[in-house]
Amino acid sequence: MKSDDDDQAHRRPTILVIDDDEIIRELVKLHLRNADYQVLEAEDAVIGGHLILQRRPDLVLCDVDMPYLNGYDLVAALKGDSGTRDIPVVFLTMNEDVARQAKKLGAVAYLMKPVKADKLLEVVALFAQT
């Protein structure tokens, strides 16, 4: 007979990928699924914000430069809300100046695009706790 503890021990972490570039989203999603993560995706931060509230992922991978709402503003909103502030966020970006802003906003890390699979999985493993 399985206990609730067994179910918790075997639950796969859920990662939300927010990026307006469909190719980047698909590549990241492929690497994560191959590493046995559950993956949610959103093409912008507005949709991503709704998914965060509905599904509460274990980790968010978020582009910085997107239409409607940029990644910085999304993370600022997440960190300002007691219900979402503990969800770790990793920025995905081509922006060389992201390091200072990421730390200031409370992102746990950032990855430069194009992201190499091994580096992506290394960072995700560090922060995607169930």
Protein backbone atom coordinates (compact mmCIF):
# COMPACT_ATOMS: atom_id res chain seq x y z
CA MET A 1 0.00 0.00 0.00
CA LYS A 2 1.36 3.44 -0.97
CA SER A 3 1.40 6.22 1.57
CA ASP A 4 1.15 9.97 0.93
CA ASP A 5 4.87 10.17 1.73
CA ASP A 6 5.60 7.76 -1.15
CA ASP A 7 3.58 9.94 -3.53
CA GLN A 8 5.48 13.06 -2.42
CA ALA A 9 8.84 11.30 -2.77
CA HIS A 10 8.06 10.33 -6.37
CA ARG A 11 6.44 13.57 -7.54
CA ARG A 12 8.29 15.08 -10.45
CA PRO A 13 9.09 18.80 -10.11
CA THR A 14 7.04 21.08 -12.32
CA ILE A 15 8.93 23.72 -14.30
CA LEU A 16 7.20 26.67 -15.98
CA VAL A 17 8.99 27.99 -19.08
CA ILE A 18 7.99 31.54 -20.04
CA ASP A 19 9.46 32.79 -23.31
CA ASP A 20 7.98 34.56 -26.32
CA ASP A 21 10.35 32.67 -28.64
CA GLU A 22 8.61 29.41 -29.54
CA ILE A 23 11.86 27.72 -30.63
CA ILE A 24 13.54 28.48 -27.30
CA ARG A 25 10.47 27.24 -25.40
CA GLU A 26 10.39 24.01 -27.40
CA LEU A 27 14.11 23.31 -26.92
CA VAL A 28 13.99 24.00 -23.18
CA LYS A 29 10.83 21.92 -22.85
CA LEU A 30 12.45 19.02 -24.72
CA HIS A 31 15.53 19.03 -22.45
CA LEU A 32 13.42 19.22 -19.30
CA ARG A 33 11.02 16.47 -20.33
CA ASN A 34 13.93 14.22 -21.29
CA ALA A 35 15.23 14.77 -17.75
CA ASP A 36 11.82 13.68 -16.36
CA TYR A 37 10.48 17.08 -15.29
CA GLN A 38 6.86 18.09 -15.75
CA VAL A 39 6.80 21.16 -17.97
CA LEU A 40 4.32 23.99 -18.33
CA GLU A 41 4.83 26.72 -20.91
CA ALA A 42 3.68 30.26 -21.60
CA GLU A 43 4.43 32.58 -24.50
CA ASP A 44 4.38 35.71 -22.36
CA ALA A 45 4.56 36.85 -18.74
CA VAL A 46 0.84 37.59 -18.48
CA ILE A 47 -0.09 34.00 -19.33
CA GLY A 48 2.82 32.79 -17.22
CA GLY A 49 1.58 34.77 -14.24
CA HIS A 50 -1.83 33.14 -14.52
CA LEU A 51 -0.23 29.69 -14.70
CA ILE A 52 1.86 30.43 -11.63
CA LEU A 53 -1.26 31.30 -9.64
CA GLN A 54 -3.19 28.28 -10.95
CA ARG A 55 -0.53 25.56 -10.89
CA ARG A 56 2.19 26.83 -8.50
CA PRO A 57 5.26 25.38 -10.29
CA ASP A 58 8.38 24.35 -8.40
CA LEU A 59 10.58 26.57 -10.60
CA VAL A 60 10.05 29.29 -13.21
CA LEU A 61 12.39 29.79 -16.17
CA CYS A 62 11.58 33.25 -17.49
CA ASP A 63 12.75 35.31 -20.45
CA VAL A 64 13.50 38.96 -19.69
CA ASP A 65 12.47 40.77 -22.89
CA MET A 66 8.85 39.93 -23.77
CA PRO A 67 5.82 41.86 -24.98
CA TYR A 68 3.07 43.06 -22.61
CA LEU A 69 5.00 42.44 -19.38
CA ASN A 70 8.74 41.85 -19.14
CA GLY A 71 10.38 39.23 -16.98
CA TYR A 72 11.67 41.80 -14.48
CA ASP A 73 8.17 43.09 -13.79
CA LEU A 74 6.78 39.56 -13.46
CA VAL A 75 9.45 38.59 -10.94
CA ALA A 76 8.95 41.83 -8.99
CA ALA A 77 5.23 40.98 -8.74
CA LEU A 78 5.94 37.38 -7.68
CA LYS A 79 8.42 38.42 -5.02
CA GLY A 80 5.99 41.05 -3.72
CA ASP A 81 3.26 38.48 -3.05
CA SER A 82 3.44 36.21 0.00
CA GLY A 83 1.81 33.35 -1.94
CA THR A 84 4.44 33.27 -4.69
CA ARG A 85 7.58 34.87 -3.29
CA ASP A 86 9.22 31.54 -2.45
CA ILE A 87 8.95 30.16 -6.01
CA PRO A 88 12.49 30.25 -7.43
CA VAL A 89 12.95 32.06 -10.73
CA VAL A 90 15.80 31.67 -13.22
CA PHE A 91 16.04 34.26 -15.98
CA LEU A 92 16.70 33.12 -19.56
CA THR A 93 18.17 36.00 -21.51
CA MET A 94 20.41 37.36 -24.22
CA ASN A 95 20.79 40.56 -22.19
CA GLU A 96 24.36 40.83 -20.86
CA ASP A 97 23.29 43.26 -18.11
CA VAL A 98 20.85 40.92 -16.39
CA ALA A 99 23.09 39.79 -13.49
CA ARG A 100 22.70 42.89 -11.33
CA GLN A 101 18.97 43.21 -11.96
CA ALA A 102 18.33 39.49 -11.40
CA LYS A 103 19.99 39.56 -7.98
CA LYS A 104 18.21 42.77 -7.00
CA LEU A 105 14.80 41.26 -7.85
CA GLY A 106 15.43 37.97 -6.08
CA ALA A 107 15.96 35.62 -9.02
CA VAL A 108 18.06 32.64 -7.97
CA ALA A 109 20.10 32.54 -11.19
CA TYR A 110 20.21 33.48 -14.84
CA LEU A 111 21.21 31.61 -17.97
CA MET A 112 22.42 33.21 -21.18
CA LYS A 113 20.76 32.17 -24.44
CA PRO A 114 21.40 30.00 -26.26
CA VAL A 115 21.36 27.74 -23.22
CA LYS A 116 23.37 24.54 -23.32
CA ALA A 117 21.38 21.51 -22.14
CA ASP A 118 23.90 20.45 -19.48
CA LYS A 119 24.00 23.93 -17.90
CA LEU A 120 20.20 24.20 -18.01
CA LEU A 121 19.73 20.86 -16.27
CA GLU A 122 22.45 21.65 -13.72
CA VAL A 123 20.74 24.90 -12.69
CA VAL A 124 17.26 23.37 -12.73
CA ALA A 125 18.42 20.50 -10.50
CA LEU A 126 19.76 23.02 -7.97
CA PHE A 127 16.52 24.94 -7.60
CA ALA A 128 13.59 22.67 -8.62
CA GLN A 129 12.71 21.15 -5.29
CA THR A 130 9.37 19.43 -4.73
